[in-house]
Protein backbone atom coordinates (compact mmCIF):
# COMPACT_ATOMS: atom_id res chain seq x y z
CA MET A 1 33.58 -5.57 73.79
CA ASP A 2 36.14 -7.71 76.07
CA GLU A 3 37.81 -10.88 74.56
CA ALA A 4 35.24 -13.32 75.72
CA ALA A 5 32.87 -10.97 73.93
CA LEU A 6 34.40 -10.76 70.71
CA SER A 7 34.99 -14.63 70.63
CA ASN A 8 30.60 -15.39 70.57
CA GLU A 9 30.35 -12.45 68.58
CA LYS A 10 32.78 -14.45 65.62
CA ALA A 11 31.38 -17.21 66.95
CA ARG A 12 27.98 -16.25 65.84
CA TRP A 13 28.91 -14.90 62.42
CA GLN A 14 30.47 -17.86 61.70
CA VAL A 15 27.81 -19.92 62.40
CA THR A 16 25.71 -17.40 60.41
CA LEU A 17 28.11 -17.24 57.19
CA GLN A 18 28.22 -21.41 57.16
CA SER A 19 24.94 -21.79 56.92
CA ILE A 20 23.53 -19.65 54.06
CA ASN A 21 23.28 -20.66 50.76
CA ASP A 22 24.51 -17.65 49.03
CA ALA A 23 28.77 -17.89 48.62
CA VAL A 24 30.48 -15.58 50.82
CA ILE A 25 34.52 -14.67 50.19
CA VAL A 26 36.42 -12.66 52.42
CA THR A 27 40.13 -11.15 50.84
CA ASN A 28 42.69 -9.55 53.33
CA PRO A 29 44.02 -5.94 51.39
CA HIS A 30 46.19 -7.57 49.43
CA ASN A 31 43.11 -9.43 47.71
CA GLN A 32 44.45 -13.13 49.35
CA VAL A 33 41.28 -15.19 50.82
CA THR A 34 41.24 -15.31 54.31
CA TYR A 35 37.43 -16.82 54.43
CA LEU A 36 35.37 -19.32 52.23
CA ASN A 37 31.70 -20.12 53.91
CA PRO A 38 30.51 -23.73 52.91
CA ALA A 39 28.94 -22.53 49.44
CA ALA A 40 31.69 -20.87 48.48
CA GLU A 41 33.32 -23.77 48.89
CA ASN A 42 31.13 -25.97 47.03
CA LEU A 43 30.79 -23.21 44.23
CA LEU A 44 34.47 -22.58 43.41
CA GLY A 45 35.61 -26.23 43.99
CA ILE A 46 38.40 -25.32 46.19
CA ALA A 47 38.37 -25.97 50.43
CA LEU A 48 39.09 -22.93 52.39
CA ASP A 49 42.67 -24.90 53.85
CA GLU A 50 43.39 -24.95 49.87
CA ALA A 51 42.64 -21.48 49.30
CA MET A 52 43.94 -19.50 52.34
CA LEU A 53 45.61 -16.59 51.43
CA SER A 54 45.22 -17.59 47.49
CA PRO A 55 44.54 -14.87 45.30
CA LEU A 56 41.66 -14.23 44.60
CA ASN A 57 41.87 -14.49 40.56
CA ALA A 58 43.51 -18.16 41.71
CA VAL A 59 40.82 -19.25 43.49
CA MET A 60 37.76 -17.77 40.79
CA GLN A 61 37.97 -17.19 37.55
CA LEU A 62 35.97 -15.14 35.66
CA ASP A 63 34.57 -16.41 32.37
CA GLN A 64 36.16 -13.91 29.95
CA ARG A 65 34.19 -15.24 26.89
CA SER A 66 31.33 -13.99 28.72
CA ASN A 67 32.94 -10.72 30.22
CA ASP A 68 34.95 -8.58 28.12
CA ASP A 69 36.39 -7.05 31.25
CA ALA A 70 36.42 -8.61 34.80
CA PRO A 71 34.23 -6.52 37.42
CA ALA A 72 36.67 -3.79 39.03
CA CYS A 73 36.28 -4.76 42.90
CA PHE A 74 37.85 -9.28 42.16
CA LEU A 75 41.14 -7.22 40.71
CA SER A 76 41.80 -4.34 43.46
CA PRO A 77 40.15 -4.11 46.99
CA ALA A 78 40.21 -0.64 46.56
CA SER A 79 37.40 -0.84 43.72
CA ALA A 80 35.02 -2.16 46.64
CA LEU A 81 35.46 0.73 49.11
CA HIS A 82 31.98 2.06 48.03
CA GLY A 83 30.42 -1.14 47.48
CA GLN A 84 29.69 -2.94 43.72
CA THR A 85 27.18 -4.73 42.68
CA GLY A 86 26.23 -6.88 39.27
CA SER A 87 26.55 -10.06 37.32
CA ALA A 88 29.38 -11.82 35.73
CA GLN A 89 29.74 -15.98 34.76
CA LEU A 90 32.48 -17.79 36.79
CA GLN A 91 34.50 -20.73 35.57
CA THR A 92 34.64 -23.58 37.79
CA ARG A 93 38.10 -25.30 37.95
CA SER A 94 35.94 -28.70 36.89
CA GLY A 95 35.34 -26.00 33.30
CA GLN A 96 31.72 -25.72 34.34
CA HIS A 97 30.11 -21.98 33.24
CA LEU A 98 27.71 -20.47 35.69
CA ALA A 99 26.21 -17.18 36.04
CA ILE A 100 26.52 -15.74 38.93
CA SER A 101 25.51 -12.03 40.82
CA TYR A 102 27.75 -10.59 43.34
CA SER A 103 28.18 -8.21 45.77
CA CYS A 104 31.24 -6.99 47.36
CA ALA A 105 32.13 -3.83 50.37
CA PRO A 106 35.43 -3.35 52.26
CA LEU A 107 36.01 -4.82 55.71
CA THR A 108 37.60 -2.18 58.22
CA GLY A 109 39.69 -3.18 61.37
CA HIS A 110 42.64 -3.68 62.49
CA GLY A 111 44.27 -5.95 60.42
CA GLY A 112 43.30 -3.31 57.80
CA LEU A 113 41.41 -2.81 54.39
CA GLY A 114 40.03 -6.30 52.95
CA THR A 115 36.72 -7.05 51.16
CA ILE A 116 33.87 -9.48 51.38
CA TYR A 117 32.11 -10.98 48.17
CA VAL A 118 28.94 -12.31 48.24
CA LEU A 119 27.77 -14.60 45.41
CA ARG A 120 24.67 -16.42 44.43
CA ASP A 121 24.34 -19.08 41.78
CA GLU A 122 22.07 -17.66 39.24
CA THR A 123 22.58 -20.08 36.52
CA GLU A 124 18.92 -22.30 36.79
CA LYS A 125 17.38 -18.51 36.56
CA LYS A 126 19.54 -17.33 33.72
CA GLN A 127 18.87 -21.33 31.76
CA LEU A 128 14.99 -20.38 32.43
CA LEU A 129 14.74 -16.85 31.49
CA ASP A 130 16.90 -17.89 28.93
CA SER A 131 13.71 -20.75 28.19
CA LEU A 132 11.47 -17.98 28.40
CA HIS A 133 12.91 -16.42 26.10
CA GLU A 134 13.14 -18.37 23.17
CA MET A 135 9.43 -19.26 24.03
CA ALA A 136 8.11 -15.52 23.45
CA PHE A 137 10.87 -15.20 20.77
CA HIS A 138 10.98 -18.00 18.72
CA ASP A 139 8.16 -20.57 16.82
CA PRO A 140 9.56 -24.17 17.97
CA LEU A 141 8.14 -25.85 14.41
CA THR A 142 10.58 -24.07 11.88
CA ASN A 143 12.66 -22.51 14.56
CA LEU A 144 12.09 -19.22 12.61
CA PRO A 145 11.61 -16.48 15.15
CA ASN A 146 8.28 -15.85 15.05
CA ARG A 147 5.93 -12.76 14.95
CA ARG A 148 6.80 -11.04 18.03
CA ALA A 149 10.67 -11.19 17.19
CA VAL A 150 9.74 -10.52 13.83
CA GLU A 151 7.67 -7.03 15.36
CA GLY A 152 10.94 -6.16 17.48
CA ARG A 153 13.41 -6.50 14.57
CA LEU A 154 10.91 -4.41 12.52
CA GLN A 155 11.30 -1.60 15.06
CA ARG A 156 15.26 -1.75 14.97
CA ALA A 157 14.99 -1.45 10.86
CA LEU A 158 12.05 1.53 11.46
CA ARG A 159 15.15 3.24 13.77
CA THR A 160 17.95 3.34 11.70
CA ALA A 161 15.85 4.15 8.42
CA ARG A 162 14.50 7.03 10.48
CA ASP A 163 18.39 7.79 12.00
CA GLN A 164 20.21 7.17 9.35
CA ALA A 165 18.27 7.33 6.11
CA GLN A 166 18.43 3.51 5.10
CA ARG A 167 16.14 1.95 3.26
CA HIS A 168 14.37 -2.00 3.86
CA ALA A 169 12.07 -3.92 3.50
CA PHE A 170 9.10 -5.99 4.85
CA CYS A 171 7.82 -8.91 2.64
CA TYR A 172 4.48 -10.67 3.72
CA ILE A 173 4.43 -14.01 2.74
CA ASP A 174 1.26 -16.08 2.51
CA LEU A 175 1.42 -19.59 0.83
CA ASP A 176 -1.03 -21.19 -1.07
CA GLN A 177 -2.88 -24.85 -1.48
CA PHE A 178 -1.50 -24.87 2.07
CA LYS A 179 -5.40 -25.89 3.73
CA LEU A 180 -5.52 -28.76 0.91
CA VAL A 181 -2.79 -30.53 2.46
CA ASN A 182 -3.85 -29.85 6.28
CA ASP A 183 -7.16 -31.58 5.49
CA THR A 184 -5.94 -34.23 3.11
CA CYS A 185 -3.11 -35.78 4.83
CA GLY A 186 -3.57 -34.04 8.50
CA HIS A 187 -2.18 -31.20 10.50
CA SER A 188 0.83 -33.53 11.21
CA VAL A 189 2.11 -33.69 8.20
CA GLY A 190 1.40 -29.65 6.88
CA ASP A 191 4.00 -29.16 10.02
CA ALA A 192 6.52 -31.01 8.50
CA LEU A 193 5.54 -29.25 5.19
CA LEU A 194 5.89 -25.76 7.09
CA VAL A 195 9.44 -26.89 8.10
CA ASP A 196 10.78 -28.13 4.86
CA ILE A 197 9.29 -24.71 3.58
CA ALA A 198 10.96 -22.54 6.10
CA GLN A 199 14.18 -24.34 5.45
CA THR A 200 13.86 -23.88 1.45
CA MET A 201 13.50 -20.04 2.12
CA LYS A 202 16.22 -19.81 4.10
CA GLU A 203 18.45 -21.12 1.92
CA ALA A 204 17.74 -18.33 -0.72
CA LEU A 205 18.40 -15.68 1.14
CA SER A 206 21.23 -14.08 2.46
CA ASP A 207 22.46 -14.01 6.21
CA GLN A 208 21.58 -10.49 6.39
CA ALA A 209 17.59 -10.96 5.92
CA TYR A 210 15.42 -12.27 8.38
CA LEU A 211 13.33 -14.41 8.20
CA GLY A 212 10.39 -15.49 10.92
CA ARG A 213 7.00 -16.98 10.93
CA LEU A 214 4.22 -15.07 11.65
CA GLY A 215 1.58 -17.65 12.28
CA GLY A 216 -0.26 -20.36 10.33
CA ASP A 217 1.13 -20.56 6.33
CA GLU A 218 2.51 -16.77 6.88
CA PHE A 219 5.87 -15.88 7.12
CA GLY A 220 7.60 -12.10 7.44
CA LEU A 221 10.88 -11.23 6.14
CA ILE A 222 12.86 -8.51 6.29
CA LEU A 223 15.30 -7.09 3.67
CA PHE A 224 17.67 -4.90 5.17
CA ASP A 225 19.45 -2.01 2.94
CA THR A 226 17.57 -2.62 0.11
CA GLN A 227 15.66 -0.55 -2.76
CA PRO A 228 12.01 -1.68 -3.46
CA ALA A 229 13.03 -3.54 -6.82
CA GLU A 230 15.20 -5.44 -5.57
CA ALA A 231 12.91 -6.67 -2.54
CA ILE A 232 10.87 -7.98 -5.20
CA GLN A 233 12.76 -9.20 -7.21
CA VAL A 234 13.84 -11.03 -4.14
CA CYS A 235 9.91 -12.08 -3.05
CA ARG A 236 9.87 -13.52 -6.99
CA GLN A 237 12.85 -15.61 -6.65
CA LEU A 238 11.21 -16.93 -3.31
CA VAL A 239 7.37 -17.35 -5.12
CA GLN A 240 9.03 -19.00 -7.30
CA ARG A 241 11.48 -21.82 -5.35
CA ILE A 242 7.96 -22.81 -3.93
CA ARG A 243 6.30 -23.23 -6.67
CA ASP A 244 8.88 -25.65 -7.50
CA PHE A 245 9.09 -27.26 -3.95
CA ARG A 246 7.52 -31.38 -4.64
CA PHE A 247 5.73 -32.33 -2.07
CA GLU A 248 4.29 -35.64 -2.07
CA TYR A 249 2.09 -37.77 0.33
CA LYS A 250 0.95 -41.62 0.01
CA GLY A 251 1.37 -41.45 -3.62
CA ARG A 252 -0.47 -37.96 -4.46
CA ARG A 253 1.80 -34.85 -5.16
CA PHE A 254 0.69 -31.50 -4.45
CA ALA A 255 1.94 -28.25 -5.89
CA LEU A 256 2.41 -25.25 -3.77
CA GLY A 257 2.27 -21.45 -4.83
CA ALA A 258 2.57 -18.27 -2.42
CA CYS A 259 2.18 -14.83 -2.49
CA ALA A 260 3.90 -11.91 -1.49
CA GLY A 261 3.30 -8.10 -0.44
CA ILE A 262 6.34 -5.79 0.58
CA ALA A 263 6.03 -2.86 2.88
CA PRO A 264 8.46 -0.34 2.31
CA ILE A 265 10.21 0.91 5.11
CA THR A 266 11.55 4.14 4.98
CA GLN A 267 12.12 7.76 7.03
CA VAL A 268 8.87 8.09 6.97
CA PRO A 269 7.14 8.08 10.23
CA THR A 270 4.96 4.48 11.45
CA THR A 271 5.29 1.31 13.31
CA ALA A 272 6.22 -1.93 13.00
CA GLY A 273 1.85 -3.02 13.27
CA GLU A 274 1.46 -0.35 10.36
CA LEU A 275 4.13 -1.76 8.37
CA MET A 276 2.60 -5.73 8.50
CA VAL A 277 -0.77 -3.87 7.78
CA GLN A 278 0.61 -2.64 4.49
CA ALA A 279 2.41 -5.64 3.94
CA ASP A 280 -0.04 -7.79 4.41
CA MET A 281 -2.97 -5.42 2.39
CA ALA A 282 -0.08 -6.08 -0.63
CA CYS A 283 -0.39 -9.87 -0.05
CA TYR A 284 -4.03 -9.60 0.36
CA ARG A 285 -3.85 -7.41 -3.63
CA ALA A 286 -1.34 -10.49 -4.76
CA LYS A 287 -3.37 -13.27 -3.71
CA SER A 288 -6.95 -11.47 -5.80
CA GLU A 289 -5.10 -10.95 -9.33
CA GLY A 290 -3.90 -15.40 -8.91
CA SER A 291 -1.45 -17.32 -6.90
CA GLY A 292 2.90 -16.36 -7.77
CA ARG A 293 1.59 -12.89 -7.64
CA VAL A 294 3.94 -10.38 -5.95
CA MET A 295 2.63 -6.68 -5.01
CA LEU A 296 4.59 -3.36 -3.75
CA TYR A 297 2.33 -1.32 -1.36
CA GLU A 298 2.16 1.88 -2.69
CA ALA A 299 -0.43 4.44 0.00
CA ASP A 300 -1.40 6.48 -3.47
CA GLU A 301 -2.83 3.99 -5.26
CA VAL A 302 -6.34 3.20 -5.33
CA GLY A 303 -6.48 -0.30 -4.44
CA PHE A 304 -5.08 0.33 -1.16
CA ARG A 305 -7.05 3.50 -0.40
CA ARG A 306 -10.20 1.05 -0.96
CA LEU A 307 -8.60 -1.50 1.33
CA GLU A 308 -7.37 1.18 4.18
CA ALA A 309 -11.13 2.38 3.82
CA GLU A 310 -12.38 -1.10 4.56
CA MET A 311 -9.85 -1.68 7.28
CA GLY A 312 -11.91 1.37 8.85
CA TRP A 313 -15.35 0.04 8.38
CA ALA A 314 -14.17 -3.78 9.57
CA ALA A 315 -13.12 -1.52 12.89
CA ASP A 316 -16.37 0.46 13.22
CA PHE A 317 -18.48 -2.80 12.86
CA ALA A 318 -18.43 -4.18 16.53
CA GLN A 319 -18.71 -0.62 18.21
CA ALA A 320 -22.14 0.17 15.32
CA LEU A 321 -23.47 -3.19 16.35
CA GLU A 322 -23.93 -2.78 19.67
CA ALA A 323 -25.40 0.96 19.29
CA ASN A 324 -28.07 -0.50 16.98
CA GLN A 325 -26.86 1.17 14.17
CA PHE A 326 -27.67 -1.49 11.33
CA LEU A 327 -31.40 -1.61 10.30
CA PRO A 328 -33.10 -4.28 8.04
CA TYR A 329 -34.89 -3.12 4.81
CA ARG A 330 -36.86 -5.16 2.81
CA GLN A 331 -37.56 -5.57 -0.88
CA LEU A 332 -40.30 -7.18 -2.60
CA ILE A 333 -40.12 -10.49 -4.29
CA GLN A 334 -43.39 -10.13 -6.59
CA PRO A 335 -44.86 -13.17 -8.05
CA THR A 336 -45.87 -12.92 -11.87
CA SER A 337 -48.84 -14.49 -11.66
CA SER A 338 -51.89 -13.59 -9.40
CA GLY A 339 -51.93 -16.32 -6.83
CA GLY A 340 -47.88 -16.39 -6.31
CA GLN A 341 -46.92 -15.88 -2.91
CA PRO A 342 -44.96 -12.69 -2.32
CA HIS A 343 -41.37 -12.82 -0.29
CA TYR A 344 -39.32 -10.04 0.39
CA GLU A 345 -35.38 -10.21 0.84
CA VAL A 346 -33.79 -8.38 3.47
CA LEU A 347 -31.20 -6.35 3.09
CA ILE A 348 -28.64 -4.26 5.60
CA ARG A 349 -28.32 -0.54 6.04
CA TRP A 350 -25.91 1.31 8.11
CA GLN A 351 -27.15 4.11 9.98
CA ARG A 352 -24.12 6.51 10.08
CA ASN A 353 -23.18 9.93 11.07
CA GLY A 354 -27.19 10.63 10.15
CA VAL A 355 -26.63 8.84 7.31
CA ILE A 356 -27.83 5.76 5.89
CA GLU A 357 -25.51 3.52 3.93
CA GLY A 358 -25.75 1.02 2.04
CA PRO A 359 -23.87 -2.53 2.04
CA ALA A 360 -21.19 -2.23 -1.04
CA LYS A 361 -18.36 -1.14 1.57
CA LEU A 362 -19.30 -3.14 4.50
CA LEU A 363 -19.78 -6.11 3.06
CA PRO A 364 -16.49 -6.83 1.95
CA ALA A 365 -15.08 -5.42 4.53
CA LEU A 366 -17.09 -7.88 6.91
CA GLU A 367 -16.02 -11.23 5.08
CA ARG A 368 -12.11 -9.95 4.43
CA TYR A 369 -11.83 -9.94 8.28
CA GLY A 370 -14.04 -12.68 8.70
CA GLN A 371 -17.27 -10.50 10.76
CA ALA A 372 -20.17 -11.13 8.49
CA PRO A 373 -21.03 -14.31 9.59
CA ILE A 374 -21.92 -11.95 12.95
CA LEU A 375 -23.78 -10.16 10.88
CA ASP A 376 -25.46 -12.81 9.57
CA ARG A 377 -26.10 -14.17 13.21
CA TRP A 378 -27.23 -10.58 13.54
CA MET A 379 -29.34 -10.60 11.01
CA VAL A 380 -31.34 -14.02 11.43
CA GLU A 381 -32.44 -12.88 14.89
CA ALA A 382 -33.63 -9.64 13.80
CA VAL A 383 -36.02 -10.76 10.95
CA VAL A 384 -36.82 -14.00 13.31
CA SER A 385 -37.92 -11.92 16.08
CA TYR A 386 -39.60 -9.42 13.74
CA LEU A 387 -42.08 -12.24 12.14
CA ALA A 388 -42.14 -13.03 15.66
CA ALA A 389 -44.15 -10.23 16.37
CA GLN A 390 -45.78 -9.97 12.94
CA PRO A 391 -47.80 -13.19 12.75
CA ASP A 392 -50.18 -11.91 10.01
CA ASP A 393 -47.49 -11.09 7.41
CA THR A 394 -47.82 -14.40 5.14
CA ALA A 395 -44.66 -13.28 3.60
CA VAL A 396 -41.54 -15.26 3.61
CA TYR A 397 -38.23 -13.64 4.07
CA PHE A 398 -34.82 -14.15 2.31
CA ILE A 399 -31.34 -13.05 4.05
CA ASN A 400 -28.39 -13.16 2.52
CA LEU A 401 -25.16 -15.76 3.73
CA SER A 402 -21.85 -15.31 3.30
CA GLY A 403 -19.33 -17.81 2.13
CA LYS A 404 -17.79 -18.38 5.88
CA THR A 405 -21.67 -18.36 7.03
CA VAL A 406 -21.98 -21.47 4.87
CA ALA A 407 -19.19 -23.09 6.33
CA ASP A 408 -19.47 -22.86 9.17
CA GLU A 409 -21.17 -26.19 11.43
CA SER A 410 -22.87 -24.17 13.90
CA PHE A 411 -24.83 -21.63 11.96
CA LEU A 412 -27.73 -24.65 11.52
CA GLY A 413 -28.03 -24.76 15.50
CA THR A 414 -28.59 -20.83 15.51
CA VAL A 415 -31.19 -21.16 13.24
CA CYS A 416 -33.09 -23.97 14.74
CA TYR A 417 -32.72 -22.61 18.33
CA LEU A 418 -34.17 -19.21 17.26
CA LEU A 419 -37.09 -20.24 15.50
CA ASP A 420 -38.05 -22.29 18.82
CA HIS A 421 -37.00 -19.58 20.90
CA TYR A 422 -39.13 -16.80 19.41
CA GLY A 423 -41.67 -19.80 18.28
CA VAL A 424 -41.55 -19.16 14.57
CA ALA A 425 -42.36 -21.35 12.11
CA GLY A 426 -39.32 -21.95 9.26
CA GLU A 427 -41.75 -21.97 6.29
CA ARG A 428 -41.29 -18.00 7.11
CA LEU A 429 -37.73 -18.05 6.58
CA GLY A 430 -35.83 -18.49 3.50
CA PHE A 431 -31.98 -18.13 3.13
CA GLU A 432 -30.02 -16.90 -0.28
CA VAL A 433 -26.47 -18.34 -1.43
CA THR A 434 -24.25 -16.68 -4.27
CA GLU A 435 -23.13 -19.79 -6.47
CA THR A 436 -19.22 -18.48 -5.32
CA ALA A 437 -19.83 -19.13 -1.80
CA ALA A 438 -21.72 -22.41 -2.63
CA VAL A 439 -19.24 -23.49 -4.91
CA VAL A 440 -16.60 -22.86 -2.59
CA ASN A 441 -17.99 -24.86 0.41
CA LEU A 442 -20.10 -27.55 -1.64
CA GLU A 443 -20.53 -29.85 0.54
CA ASP A 444 -21.17 -26.96 3.97
CA ALA A 445 -23.96 -25.50 1.37
CA GLN A 446 -24.85 -29.25 0.68
CA ARG A 447 -25.47 -29.90 4.30
CA LEU A 448 -26.59 -26.30 5.28
CA ILE A 449 -29.76 -26.70 2.76
CA HIS A 450 -30.64 -30.12 3.87
CA GLY A 451 -31.09 -29.22 7.34
CA LEU A 452 -32.99 -25.84 6.53
CA ARG A 453 -35.03 -27.37 4.19
CA GLN A 454 -35.68 -29.93 7.44
CA ARG A 455 -37.32 -27.16 9.53
CA GLY A 456 -39.53 -26.08 6.37
CA CYS A 457 -37.42 -23.21 5.77
CA GLN A 458 -36.55 -22.18 1.87
CA PHE A 459 -33.54 -21.48 0.11
CA ALA A 460 -32.58 -19.62 -3.05
CA LEU A 461 -29.42 -19.84 -5.37
CA ASP A 462 -28.75 -15.91 -5.89
CA ASP A 463 -26.26 -14.77 -8.66
CA PHE A 464 -27.19 -17.86 -10.75
CA GLY A 465 -25.52 -17.85 -14.47
CA ARG A 466 -22.23 -15.61 -13.70
CA ASP A 467 -20.12 -18.40 -13.38
CA ALA A 468 -19.49 -20.98 -16.26
CA SER A 469 -19.89 -23.81 -14.09
CA SER A 470 -23.39 -22.90 -12.93
CA PHE A 471 -25.28 -25.81 -14.33
CA PHE A 472 -22.62 -28.31 -12.55
CA TYR A 473 -23.92 -26.92 -9.12
CA LEU A 474 -27.26 -26.62 -9.75
CA LYS A 475 -27.24 -30.61 -9.70
CA HIS A 476 -25.76 -30.58 -6.43
CA LEU A 477 -28.20 -28.12 -4.92
CA PRO A 478 -30.90 -28.55 -4.22
CA ALA A 479 -32.73 -25.14 -4.46
CA ASP A 480 -36.00 -23.47 -4.27
CA PHE A 481 -35.63 -20.62 -6.25
CA LEU A 482 -33.03 -19.74 -8.66
CA LYS A 483 -32.04 -16.00 -9.07
CA ILE A 484 -31.12 -15.00 -12.59
CA ASP A 485 -27.99 -12.91 -12.57
CA GLY A 486 -29.23 -9.44 -13.34
CA ALA A 487 -26.26 -8.34 -15.56
CA PHE A 488 -28.86 -10.91 -18.14
CA VAL A 489 -31.64 -9.21 -17.00
CA ARG A 490 -30.64 -5.52 -17.07
CA GLY A 491 -28.90 -5.98 -20.91
CA MET A 492 -32.08 -8.45 -22.68
CA LEU A 493 -34.18 -5.58 -24.15
CA ASP A 494 -30.81 -5.01 -25.99
CA ASP A 495 -29.06 -7.67 -26.49
CA ARG A 496 -31.09 -10.65 -27.81
CA ARG A 497 -28.32 -13.21 -26.56
CA ASP A 498 -28.61 -12.51 -22.74
CA GLN A 499 -32.52 -12.54 -23.47
CA ALA A 500 -31.92 -15.91 -24.43
CA ILE A 501 -30.33 -17.08 -21.77
CA VAL A 502 -32.96 -15.72 -19.37
CA ARG A 503 -35.27 -17.78 -21.11
CA SER A 504 -33.42 -20.72 -20.47
CA ILE A 505 -32.38 -20.25 -16.52
CA ALA A 506 -36.00 -19.83 -16.92
CA LYS A 507 -37.22 -22.67 -18.28
CA LEU A 508 -34.10 -24.74 -16.89
CA ALA A 509 -35.58 -23.80 -13.48
CA SER A 510 -39.45 -25.44 -14.23
CA ASP A 511 -37.88 -28.53 -15.18
CA PHE A 512 -35.78 -28.59 -11.92
CA GLY A 513 -39.21 -28.04 -10.23
CA MET A 514 -37.49 -24.78 -8.72
CA TYR A 515 -38.87 -21.20 -9.56
CA SER A 516 -36.87 -18.42 -10.94
CA VAL A 517 -36.49 -14.79 -10.42
CA ALA A 518 -35.52 -12.44 -11.84
CA GLU A 519 -33.37 -9.45 -10.66
CA GLN A 520 -32.51 -5.95 -11.50
CA VAL A 521 -36.47 -5.20 -12.91
CA GLU A 522 -35.97 -1.60 -14.12
CA ASP A 523 -38.67 -0.24 -15.85
CA ALA A 524 -42.37 -1.51 -17.18
CA GLU A 525 -41.15 -3.03 -20.44
CA MET A 526 -38.29 -4.87 -19.16
CA ALA A 527 -40.94 -6.55 -16.33
CA ALA A 528 -43.79 -7.27 -19.60
CA LEU A 529 -41.02 -9.04 -20.99
CA LEU A 530 -39.93 -11.20 -17.80
CA ARG A 531 -43.57 -12.18 -17.84
CA ASP A 532 -43.97 -13.59 -21.35
CA ILE A 533 -40.70 -15.50 -21.02
CA GLY A 534 -41.87 -17.18 -17.80
CA VAL A 535 -40.24 -15.28 -15.18
CA ASP A 536 -41.50 -16.85 -12.08
CA TYR A 537 -40.66 -13.83 -9.45
CA LEU A 538 -39.70 -10.17 -10.23
CA GLN A 539 -37.24 -7.96 -7.79
CA GLY A 540 -35.93 -4.25 -8.74
CA TYR A 541 -36.60 -0.88 -7.97
CA HIS A 542 -39.62 -0.41 -10.49
CA ILE A 543 -40.97 -3.04 -8.51
CA HIS A 544 -41.06 -2.25 -4.79
CA ARG A 545 -37.85 -0.27 -3.73
CA PRO A 546 -35.69 -1.20 -0.49
CA GLU A 547 -37.49 0.12 2.93
CA ALA A 548 -37.43 -0.48 6.44
CA LEU A 549 -39.03 -3.22 7.96
CA PRO A 550 -42.27 -1.59 9.72
CA HIS A 551 -42.20 -1.49 12.99
CA TRP A 552 -39.09 -3.51 13.67
CA GLN A 553 -37.91 -3.06 17.49
CA PRO A 554 -33.85 -3.30 17.51
CA VAL A 555 -32.79 -6.81 19.14
CA THR A 556 -30.91 -7.34 21.59
CA VAL A 557 -28.93 -9.76 20.58
CA SER A 558 -29.42 -13.27 22.54
CA GLN A 559 -26.12 -13.89 25.33
CA ALA A 560 -27.71 -16.81 27.02
CA ALA A 561 -27.08 -20.50 25.49
CA ALA A 562 -29.51 -22.38 24.28
CA PRO A 563 -30.83 -25.22 26.44
CA ALA A 564 -28.23 -27.97 26.37
CA HIS A 565 -30.57 -30.65 25.22
CA HIS A 566 -31.07 -28.63 22.55
CA PRO A 567 -29.91 -31.17 19.27
CA ARG A 568 -28.16 -28.02 17.19
CA SER A 569 -27.48 -25.56 19.21
CA PRO A 570 -26.03 -26.57 23.38
CA HIS A 571 -24.08 -23.40 23.18
CA LEU A 572 -25.30 -20.35 21.39
CA ALA A 573 -23.76 -16.76 21.90
CA LEU A 574 -24.51 -15.24 18.89
CA VAL A 575 -22.47 -11.76 19.25
CA LYS A 576 -19.86 -10.90 22.21
């Protein structure tokens, strides 16, 4: 190639290098700068004329705080013989610290060995990645690690427990009465309270403890190199600090509480997810015993085995629903007078592995995991569709409702839509709610009862007399039927006090214009005594054993939305 061609080639490359955004630095065999393109001048804060033949490390300084050892290719051209790429922190002359990526390669020619460096400013990209990482692993409200971060740290704790025979503990902390603050004062006040509680707990913990917010009013705590007894003590101290914390808003003082569950981290193989479930179960057990409790998870303990079984039931629920494994049964509620209208209570059965199972295990599991309303909606459609196919059946069919269903504002619209959709009169349908469900959601229960009765549906208060506050809530719940707690009915033949209670409830129902129902009637002598007392309806194995709904066909649960003009259910989707 002649001199003119070489000159043109050099000019072309200079134009190219001057126009690209990446910084390009060329050094000679002595690692002295011989070329900077404009991007390099801007990045380094030095002009080519000033940098010419200066040592590379005088022109660009790597931030030693972020780079323990400078990349070899920046120190010696020989190290770039085979090329090198990487990332580093650059300190500019103005004192800025920039994140850069780099590549270097050897240059050969008549002048001997040299090196070309290509640098790219990655600062904005790194800041964005750092921000995304912060969002992914950080709770912005409390400045604590979030659930994802806690799970990651748990995995590390599991590895050290396995590889180094260390013992740790994971603690699940759940606040009490936080919902009251949220509902009374608003979510912004509730958020401020969470920040204060998080700070209160952090101040009580050592630097080695790892506290995170799992979501809502739930926190996770990892205690390293900690025996179970020590973890229990730490959790008790935290719970006490939360109980001592006083929160005041507009002159009202709120007393908070907390419960904690602890899952030991040992060499026994497990996962972070399983540990969180174990600690959650322990916290649930603690909460069921009252505020301020702390409980340690023990795999062989009967209560925990029962909870794990419930988890299995709940996990199988959706698949069982799709497979039409649930069956509606009915049990007669017989009037004691010849002219009384017969009723039925609808019961759920699960056809599982060739066996018909009752609800004793299923219903608590569905309540705990928030799935009970799904079953309630399925039952309503199953019964209403059955009644539509049985126009000559004059009995009223009663369906049990869970507490979460009572509190669900959309449920009333669901019932109204189904009655309209299937063309069934509301007078053929009734609902039962236990005292516990009604008491916890009194205003919701009042609203629901009022709406159902407007459609002609009847309402029964189940297990009446179980709680001391029964009579107070009787005044505030306009029920049509009082179902006397079966514990009093069973004992009335042997205990005159139970007999007196049953008699008084029957009289009370009559005075309130309601009908009384005795549950768990097991023999003829008991039935005769109840008739003499004046109870209006009898229910139990002596009267009628539960049976499958005759001629019932599995229902295809509604997927379509209700008509947009429907007054109470603009968008209905019962089960997804």
